[in-house]
Amino acid sequence: MEKPKISVIVPAKNEERYIMNVFEGLKIQSFKEFEIIIVDGGSSDKTVSIAKKYGKVIIDKRKGIGTARNTGVKHAQGEILVFLDADTKPSKELLRTYYKAINNGVVAATGPILPLEKTNLRTRIGFKFVSILFVRVAIAIGIPTIVGSNFAAEKKAFVKINGFDEKLMTYEDWDLSKRINKLGKIKFMNDAVVYTSIRRVKKWGMFGFFSYHVGNMIRYNLLKKPKEYYEEIR
């Protein structure tokens, strides 16, 4: 079998209700030369049995989503890494869009993250503000804020910076953004759309959701100590 050009890495734990969204989105990709690696954190539900039908499953029960993603990279054959969360659904052109970006001198890329479920106008605007406007501006001014549930990276660059900082339980994606930015250009790709579950917003509320992340951003930048706990919502 020919070596895949892209490795899609999906960390998961007890995601039997949502993980089929990832596989359904990947199944219809216009770009076909990819592999799927699922890193399971010790699920007690049917996540592993479902995932085995669609990709390579690696068990890693250590804490931290950054740790899980790093484990996935160690098993990746592709020279381009695409990271998705287990409760996301990639759009049809996602992998093709990222393949073109990384092959045109970009070390990392990201794109819009929009609600998977039907929701109200305020929530839709909130998602667009954060995942499109905020991220585009951050990249433009040289302080990129890639979100871990939807981004791609050149494997060579990812390895060179030693991947995610496994000491960080949160903010690991923004920390990686700052470090990989030193190696080359990061680009926002409008067509690299991913749809994600709004279950956390439903539970926390929009104010609680944004307060958590804004507060964590301040903690990281001022104290270099982001929060160590991120509630699991299933």
C-alpha atoms as a PDB file:
ATOM      1  CA  MET A   1       0.000   0.000   0.000  1.00  0.00           C
ATOM      2  CA  GLU A   2       1.279   3.448  -0.938  1.00  0.00           C
ATOM      3  CA  LYS A   3       2.350   5.679   1.931  1.00  0.00           C
ATOM      4  CA  PRO A   4      -0.398   8.176   2.859  1.00  0.00           C
ATOM      5  CA  LYS A   5       0.302  11.851   2.279  1.00  0.00           C
ATOM      6  CA  ILE A   6      -1.781  12.975   5.257  1.00  0.00           C
ATOM      7  CA  SER A   7      -2.203  11.495   8.728  1.00  0.00           C
ATOM      8  CA  VAL A   8      -5.438  12.500  10.449  1.00  0.00           C
ATOM      9  CA  ILE A   9      -5.067  12.283  14.227  1.00  0.00           C
ATOM     10  CA  VAL A  10      -8.131  12.098  16.463  1.00  0.00           C
ATOM     11  CA  PRO A  11      -7.833  11.907  20.283  1.00  0.00           C
ATOM     12  CA  ALA A  12     -10.898  10.314  21.871  1.00  0.00           C
ATOM     13  CA  LYS A  13     -12.337   9.095  25.142  1.00  0.00           C
ATOM     14  CA  ASN A  14     -15.909   7.870  25.624  1.00  0.00           C
ATOM     15  CA  GLU A  15     -17.066   9.486  22.397  1.00  0.00           C
ATOM     16  CA  GLU A  16     -19.428   6.803  21.042  1.00  0.00           C
ATOM     17  CA  ARG A  17     -22.209   9.410  20.654  1.00  0.00           C
ATOM     18  CA  TYR A  18     -20.166  11.740  18.459  1.00  0.00           C
ATOM     19  CA  ILE A  19     -17.203  10.007  16.844  1.00  0.00           C
ATOM     20  CA  MET A  20     -19.113   8.783  13.781  1.00  0.00           C
ATOM     21  CA  ASN A  21     -19.300  12.434  12.693  1.00  0.00           C
ATOM     22  CA  VAL A  22     -15.535  12.416  12.162  1.00  0.00           C
ATOM     23  CA  PHE A  23     -15.599   9.219  10.126  1.00  0.00           C
ATOM     24  CA  GLU A  24     -18.588  10.270   8.044  1.00  0.00           C
ATOM     25  CA  GLY A  25     -16.835  13.515   7.173  1.00  0.00           C
ATOM     26  CA  LEU A  26     -13.573  11.771   6.333  1.00  0.00           C
ATOM     27  CA  LYS A  27     -15.347   9.154   4.230  1.00  0.00           C
ATOM     28  CA  ILE A  28     -16.506  11.776   1.720  1.00  0.00           C
ATOM     29  CA  GLN A  29     -13.244  13.731   1.453  1.00  0.00           C
ATOM     30  CA  SER A  30     -12.303  14.777  -2.073  1.00  0.00           C
ATOM     31  CA  PHE A  31      -8.663  14.057  -1.139  1.00  0.00           C
ATOM     32  CA  LYS A  32      -8.190  10.314  -0.639  1.00  0.00           C
ATOM     33  CA  GLU A  33      -4.518   9.728   0.236  1.00  0.00           C
ATOM     34  CA  PHE A  34      -4.762   9.748   4.008  1.00  0.00           C
ATOM     35  CA  GLU A  35      -4.764   7.517   7.054  1.00  0.00           C
ATOM     36  CA  ILE A  36      -6.781   7.837  10.263  1.00  0.00           C
ATOM     37  CA  ILE A  37      -5.173   7.407  13.681  1.00  0.00           C
ATOM     38  CA  ILE A  38      -7.427   7.396  16.744  1.00  0.00           C
ATOM     39  CA  VAL A  39      -5.701   7.763  20.116  1.00  0.00           C
ATOM     40  CA  ASP A  40      -8.024   6.464  22.795  1.00  0.00           C
ATOM     41  CA  GLY A  41      -7.572   7.647  26.364  1.00  0.00           C
ATOM     42  CA  GLY A  42      -9.144   4.602  28.006  1.00  0.00           C
ATOM     43  CA  SER A  43     -12.776   4.590  26.897  1.00  0.00           C
ATOM     44  CA  SER A  44     -15.317   2.522  28.802  1.00  0.00           C
ATOM     45  CA  ASP A  45     -17.955   2.754  26.060  1.00  0.00           C
ATOM     46  CA  LYS A  46     -17.967   1.594  22.405  1.00  0.00           C
ATOM     47  CA  THR A  47     -15.535   4.230  21.129  1.00  0.00           C
ATOM     48  CA  VAL A  48     -12.708   1.774  20.424  1.00  0.00           C
ATOM     49  CA  SER A  49     -14.867  -0.848  18.712  1.00  0.00           C
ATOM     50  CA  ILE A  50     -16.377   1.829  16.457  1.00  0.00           C
ATOM     51  CA  ALA A  51     -13.018   3.440  15.696  1.00  0.00           C
ATOM     52  CA  LYS A  52     -11.341   0.153  14.729  1.00  0.00           C
ATOM     53  CA  LYS A  53     -13.620  -0.053  11.693  1.00  0.00           C
ATOM     54  CA  TYR A  54     -12.234   3.183  10.294  1.00  0.00           C
ATOM     55  CA  GLY A  55      -8.611   3.553  11.308  1.00  0.00           C
ATOM     56  CA  LYS A  56      -5.674   2.580  13.461  1.00  0.00           C
ATOM     57  CA  VAL A  57      -6.442   2.719  17.177  1.00  0.00           C
ATOM     58  CA  ILE A  58      -3.704   3.472  19.706  1.00  0.00           C
ATOM     59  CA  ILE A  59      -4.431   3.221  23.431  1.00  0.00           C
ATOM     60  CA  ASP A  60      -2.768   5.845  25.615  1.00  0.00           C
ATOM     61  CA  LYS A  61      -4.318   6.387  29.047  1.00  0.00           C
ATOM     62  CA  ARG A  62      -2.000   9.200  30.094  1.00  0.00           C
ATOM     63  CA  LYS A  63      -3.655  12.539  30.838  1.00  0.00           C
ATOM     64  CA  GLY A  64      -3.731  15.425  28.422  1.00  0.00           C
ATOM     65  CA  ILE A  65      -5.008  15.925  24.898  1.00  0.00           C
ATOM     66  CA  GLY A  66      -1.573  17.185  23.848  1.00  0.00           C
ATOM     67  CA  THR A  67      -0.083  13.893  24.990  1.00  0.00           C
ATOM     68  CA  ALA A  68      -2.661  11.979  22.944  1.00  0.00           C
ATOM     69  CA  ARG A  69      -1.929  14.024  19.841  1.00  0.00           C
ATOM     70  CA  ASN A  70       1.821  13.508  20.249  1.00  0.00           C
ATOM     71  CA  THR A  71       1.229   9.765  20.523  1.00  0.00           C
ATOM     72  CA  GLY A  72      -0.706   9.862  17.276  1.00  0.00           C
ATOM     73  CA  VAL A  73       2.152  11.657  15.530  1.00  0.00           C
ATOM     74  CA  LYS A  74       4.591   8.927  16.592  1.00  0.00           C
ATOM     75  CA  HIS A  75       2.508   6.452  14.573  1.00  0.00           C
ATOM     76  CA  ALA A  76       1.869   8.777  11.628  1.00  0.00           C
ATOM     77  CA  GLN A  77       3.192   7.915   8.176  1.00  0.00           C
ATOM     78  CA  GLY A  78       2.084  11.098   6.417  1.00  0.00           C
ATOM     79  CA  GLU A  79       4.278  14.148   6.016  1.00  0.00           C
ATOM     80  CA  ILE A  80       1.268  16.339   6.725  1.00  0.00           C
ATOM     81  CA  LEU A  81      -0.568  16.102  10.045  1.00  0.00           C
ATOM     82  CA  VAL A  82      -4.216  17.046  10.424  1.00  0.00           C
ATOM     83  CA  PHE A  83      -5.682  17.246  13.927  1.00  0.00           C
ATOM     84  CA  LEU A  84      -9.404  16.893  14.613  1.00  0.00           C
ATOM     85  CA  ASP A  85     -11.398  16.302  17.778  1.00  0.00           C
ATOM     86  CA  ALA A  86     -13.681  13.313  18.239  1.00  0.00           C
ATOM     87  CA  ASP A  87     -16.807  15.487  18.281  1.00  0.00           C
ATOM     88  CA  THR A  88     -16.100  17.251  14.983  1.00  0.00           C
ATOM     89  CA  LYS A  89     -17.189  16.712  11.390  1.00  0.00           C
ATOM     90  CA  PRO A  90     -14.771  17.838   8.656  1.00  0.00           C
ATOM     91  CA  SER A  91     -16.091  19.467   5.499  1.00  0.00           C
ATOM     92  CA  LYS A  92     -15.569  17.685   2.176  1.00  0.00           C
ATOM     93  CA  GLU A  93     -12.618  19.818   1.021  1.00  0.00           C
ATOM     94  CA  LEU A  94     -10.786  19.977   4.346  1.00  0.00           C
ATOM     95  CA  LEU A  95      -7.893  17.621   3.576  1.00  0.00           C
ATOM     96  CA  ARG A  96      -7.409  18.904   0.017  1.00  0.00           C
ATOM     97  CA  THR A  97      -7.306  22.464   1.325  1.00  0.00           C
ATOM     98  CA  TYR A  98      -4.702  21.620   3.942  1.00  0.00           C
ATOM     99  CA  TYR A  99      -2.645  19.564   1.479  1.00  0.00           C
ATOM    100  CA  LYS A 100      -2.403  22.566  -0.865  1.00  0.00           C
ATOM    101  CA  ALA A 101      -1.525  24.928   1.975  1.00  0.00           C
ATOM    102  CA  ILE A 102       1.292  22.850   3.451  1.00  0.00           C
ATOM    103  CA  ASN A 103       2.704  22.178  -0.005  1.00  0.00           C
ATOM    104  CA  ASN A 104       2.892  25.898  -0.705  1.00  0.00           C
ATOM    105  CA  GLY A 105       5.417  26.859   1.948  1.00  0.00           C
ATOM    106  CA  VAL A 106       3.125  26.950   4.987  1.00  0.00           C
ATOM    107  CA  VAL A 107       4.236  25.183   8.194  1.00  0.00           C
ATOM    108  CA  ALA A 108       0.767  25.149   9.743  1.00  0.00           C
ATOM    109  CA  ALA A 109      -2.788  26.086   8.829  1.00  0.00           C
ATOM    110  CA  THR A 110      -6.206  26.330  10.408  1.00  0.00           C
ATOM    111  CA  GLY A 111      -9.757  27.156   9.379  1.00  0.00           C
ATOM    112  CA  PRO A 112     -13.281  27.948  10.568  1.00  0.00           C
ATOM    113  CA  ILE A 113     -14.898  25.956  13.366  1.00  0.00           C
ATOM    114  CA  LEU A 114     -18.684  26.168  13.187  1.00  0.00           C
ATOM    115  CA  PRO A 115     -21.546  24.599  15.180  1.00  0.00           C
ATOM    116  CA  LEU A 116     -22.427  21.024  14.278  1.00  0.00           C
ATOM    117  CA  GLU A 117     -25.943  21.148  15.694  1.00  0.00           C
ATOM    118  CA  LYS A 118     -28.678  23.648  14.943  1.00  0.00           C
ATOM    119  CA  THR A 119     -28.448  26.539  17.354  1.00  0.00           C
ATOM    120  CA  ASN A 120     -29.427  30.158  17.879  1.00  0.00           C
ATOM    121  CA  LEU A 121     -28.066  33.195  16.075  1.00  0.00           C
ATOM    122  CA  ARG A 122     -26.031  34.397  19.065  1.00  0.00           C
ATOM    123  CA  THR A 123     -24.127  31.107  19.260  1.00  0.00           C
ATOM    124  CA  ARG A 124     -23.487  31.058  15.504  1.00  0.00           C
ATOM    125  CA  ILE A 125     -22.147  34.618  15.620  1.00  0.00           C
ATOM    126  CA  GLY A 126     -19.987  33.741  18.633  1.00  0.00           C
ATOM    127  CA  PHE A 127     -18.396  30.825  16.814  1.00  0.00           C
ATOM    128  CA  LYS A 128     -17.704  32.921  13.737  1.00  0.00           C
ATOM    129  CA  PHE A 129     -16.232  35.749  15.803  1.00  0.00           C
ATOM    130  CA  VAL A 130     -13.825  33.475  17.688  1.00  0.00           C
ATOM    131  CA  SER A 131     -12.891  30.879  15.063  1.00  0.00           C
ATOM    132  CA  ILE A 132     -12.737  33.195  12.055  1.00  0.00           C
ATOM    133  CA  LEU A 133     -12.306  36.880  12.913  1.00  0.00           C
ATOM    134  CA  PHE A 134     -10.258  36.472  16.103  1.00  0.00           C
ATOM    135  CA  VAL A 135      -8.010  33.742  14.659  1.00  0.00           C
ATOM    136  CA  ARG A 136      -7.455  35.620  11.371  1.00  0.00           C
ATOM    137  CA  VAL A 137      -6.478  38.803  13.220  1.00  0.00           C
ATOM    138  CA  ALA A 138      -4.180  36.903  15.595  1.00  0.00           C
ATOM    139  CA  ILE A 139      -2.359  35.305  12.653  1.00  0.00           C
ATOM    140  CA  ALA A 140      -2.119  38.639  10.844  1.00  0.00           C
ATOM    141  CA  ILE A 141      -0.452  40.384  13.802  1.00  0.00           C
ATOM    142  CA  GLY A 142       2.016  37.565  14.392  1.00  0.00           C
ATOM    143  CA  ILE A 143       0.545  35.910  17.492  1.00  0.00           C
ATOM    144  CA  PRO A 144      -1.326  32.952  15.959  1.00  0.00           C
ATOM    145  CA  THR A 145      -3.917  31.093  18.006  1.00  0.00           C
ATOM    146  CA  ILE A 146      -4.527  27.771  16.298  1.00  0.00           C
ATOM    147  CA  VAL A 147      -7.353  25.746  17.835  1.00  0.00           C
ATOM    148  CA  GLY A 148      -6.492  22.076  18.312  1.00  0.00           C
ATOM    149  CA  SER A 149      -9.770  20.733  16.964  1.00  0.00           C
ATOM    150  CA  ASN A 150      -9.014  21.934  13.439  1.00  0.00           C
ATOM    151  CA  PHE A 151      -5.498  22.463  12.201  1.00  0.00           C
ATOM    152  CA  ALA A 152      -2.774  21.016  10.014  1.00  0.00           C
ATOM    153  CA  ALA A 153       0.993  21.073  10.354  1.00  0.00           C
ATOM    154  CA  GLU A 154       4.014  20.001   8.394  1.00  0.00           C
ATOM    155  CA  LYS A 155       5.250  16.930  10.230  1.00  0.00           C
ATOM    156  CA  LYS A 156       8.879  18.005   9.938  1.00  0.00           C
ATOM    157  CA  ALA A 157       8.123  21.326  11.631  1.00  0.00           C
ATOM    158  CA  PHE A 158       5.953  19.688  14.298  1.00  0.00           C
ATOM    159  CA  VAL A 159       8.727  17.261  15.224  1.00  0.00           C
ATOM    160  CA  LYS A 160      11.340  20.015  15.218  1.00  0.00           C
ATOM    161  CA  ILE A 161       9.521  21.893  17.992  1.00  0.00           C
ATOM    162  CA  ASN A 162       8.887  18.624  19.900  1.00  0.00           C
ATOM    163  CA  GLY A 163       5.137  18.772  19.344  1.00  0.00           C
ATOM    164  CA  PHE A 164       2.747  19.658  22.133  1.00  0.00           C
ATOM    165  CA  ASP A 165       4.006  20.499  25.594  1.00  0.00           C
ATOM    166  CA  GLU A 166       2.706  17.501  27.546  1.00  0.00           C
ATOM    167  CA  LYS A 167       2.911  19.372  30.843  1.00  0.00           C
ATOM    168  CA  LEU A 168       0.019  21.572  29.726  1.00  0.00           C
ATOM    169  CA  MET A 169      -3.491  20.216  30.340  1.00  0.00           C
ATOM    170  CA  THR A 170      -5.081  23.226  28.615  1.00  0.00           C
ATOM    171  CA  TYR A 171      -3.877  25.907  26.193  1.00  0.00           C
ATOM    172  CA  GLU A 172      -1.544  23.347  24.621  1.00  0.00           C
ATOM    173  CA  ASP A 173      -2.720  24.289  21.129  1.00  0.00           C
ATOM    174  CA  TRP A 174      -2.051  28.008  21.504  1.00  0.00           C
ATOM    175  CA  ASP A 175       1.322  27.247  23.077  1.00  0.00           C
ATOM    176  CA  LEU A 176       2.222  25.137  20.049  1.00  0.00           C
ATOM    177  CA  SER A 177       1.028  27.933  17.747  1.00  0.00           C
ATOM    178  CA  LYS A 178       3.562  30.364  19.209  1.00  0.00           C
ATOM    179  CA  ARG A 179       6.430  27.914  18.854  1.00  0.00           C
ATOM    180  CA  ILE A 180       5.705  26.626  15.356  1.00  0.00           C
ATOM    181  CA  ASN A 181       5.190  30.197  14.157  1.00  0.00           C
ATOM    182  CA  LYS A 182       8.947  30.733  14.566  1.00  0.00           C
ATOM    183  CA  LEU A 183       9.624  28.170  11.825  1.00  0.00           C
ATOM    184  CA  GLY A 184       7.537  29.665   9.053  1.00  0.00           C
ATOM    185  CA  LYS A 185       4.178  30.936   7.884  1.00  0.00           C
ATOM    186  CA  ILE A 186       0.823  29.990   9.409  1.00  0.00           C
ATOM    187  CA  LYS A 187      -2.202  30.521   7.198  1.00  0.00           C
ATOM    188  CA  PHE A 188      -5.955  30.714   7.725  1.00  0.00           C
ATOM    189  CA  MET A 189      -7.797  28.693   5.075  1.00  0.00           C
ATOM    190  CA  ASN A 190     -11.424  29.672   4.507  1.00  0.00           C
ATOM    191  CA  ASP A 191     -12.278  26.290   2.944  1.00  0.00           C
ATOM    192  CA  ALA A 192     -10.843  24.228   5.820  1.00  0.00           C
ATOM    193  CA  VAL A 193     -14.155  24.117   7.666  1.00  0.00           C
ATOM    194  CA  VAL A 194     -14.895  21.813  10.584  1.00  0.00           C
ATOM    195  CA  TYR A 195     -18.219  21.511  12.394  1.00  0.00           C
ATOM    196  CA  THR A 196     -18.035  20.827  16.121  1.00  0.00           C
ATOM    197  CA  SER A 197     -20.468  19.851  18.855  1.00  0.00           C
ATOM    198  CA  ILE A 198     -21.789  22.752  20.915  1.00  0.00           C
ATOM    199  CA  ARG A 199     -22.364  20.536  23.967  1.00  0.00           C
ATOM    200  CA  ARG A 200     -19.908  22.556  26.075  1.00  0.00           C
ATOM    201  CA  VAL A 201     -21.566  25.837  25.157  1.00  0.00           C
ATOM    202  CA  LYS A 202     -24.946  24.331  26.031  1.00  0.00           C
ATOM    203  CA  LYS A 203     -23.733  23.285  29.465  1.00  0.00           C
ATOM    204  CA  TRP A 204     -21.595  26.305  30.328  1.00  0.00           C
ATOM    205  CA  GLY A 205     -23.543  28.958  28.447  1.00  0.00           C
ATOM    206  CA  MET A 206     -21.919  31.410  26.028  1.00  0.00           C
ATOM    207  CA  PHE A 207     -20.738  33.706  28.818  1.00  0.00           C
ATOM    208  CA  GLY A 208     -19.196  30.838  30.799  1.00  0.00           C
ATOM    209  CA  PHE A 209     -17.538  29.413  27.692  1.00  0.00           C
ATOM    210  CA  PHE A 210     -15.885  32.664  26.654  1.00  0.00           C
ATOM    211  CA  SER A 211     -15.028  33.645  30.228  1.00  0.00           C
ATOM    212  CA  TYR A 212     -13.138  30.386  30.709  1.00  0.00           C
ATOM    213  CA  HIS A 213     -11.079  30.804  27.546  1.00  0.00           C
ATOM    214  CA  VAL A 214     -10.387  34.519  27.947  1.00  0.00           C
ATOM    215  CA  GLY A 215      -9.335  33.928  31.545  1.00  0.00           C
ATOM    216  CA  ASN A 216      -7.116  31.068  30.503  1.00  0.00           C
ATOM    217  CA  MET A 217      -5.511  33.185  27.803  1.00  0.00           C
ATOM    218  CA  ILE A 218      -4.666  35.831  30.410  1.00  0.00           C
ATOM    219  CA  ARG A 219      -3.273  33.196  32.802  1.00  0.00           C
ATOM    220  CA  TYR A 220      -1.048  31.759  30.096  1.00  0.00           C
ATOM    221  CA  ASN A 221       0.312  35.070  28.863  1.00  0.00           C
ATOM    222  CA  LEU A 222       0.861  36.656  32.292  1.00  0.00           C
ATOM    223  CA  LEU A 223       1.670  33.682  34.513  1.00  0.00           C
ATOM    224  CA  LYS A 224       2.687  31.016  31.975  1.00  0.00           C
ATOM    225  CA  LYS A 225       0.363  28.712  33.915  1.00  0.00           C
ATOM    226  CA  PRO A 226      -2.868  27.862  32.105  1.00  0.00           C
ATOM    227  CA  LYS A 227      -5.585  26.013  33.967  1.00  0.00           C
ATOM    228  CA  GLU A 228      -4.894  22.359  34.685  1.00  0.00           C
ATOM    229  CA  TYR A 229      -8.492  21.143  34.513  1.00  0.00           C
ATOM    230  CA  TYR A 230     -10.894  21.075  31.582  1.00  0.00           C
ATOM    231  CA  GLU A 231     -14.233  19.452  32.375  1.00  0.00           C
ATOM    232  CA  GLU A 232     -15.075  16.338  30.375  1.00  0.00           C
ATOM    233  CA  ILE A 233     -18.538  16.694  28.867  1.00  0.00           C
ATOM    234  CA  ARG A 234     -20.087  13.650  27.247  1.00  0.00           C
END
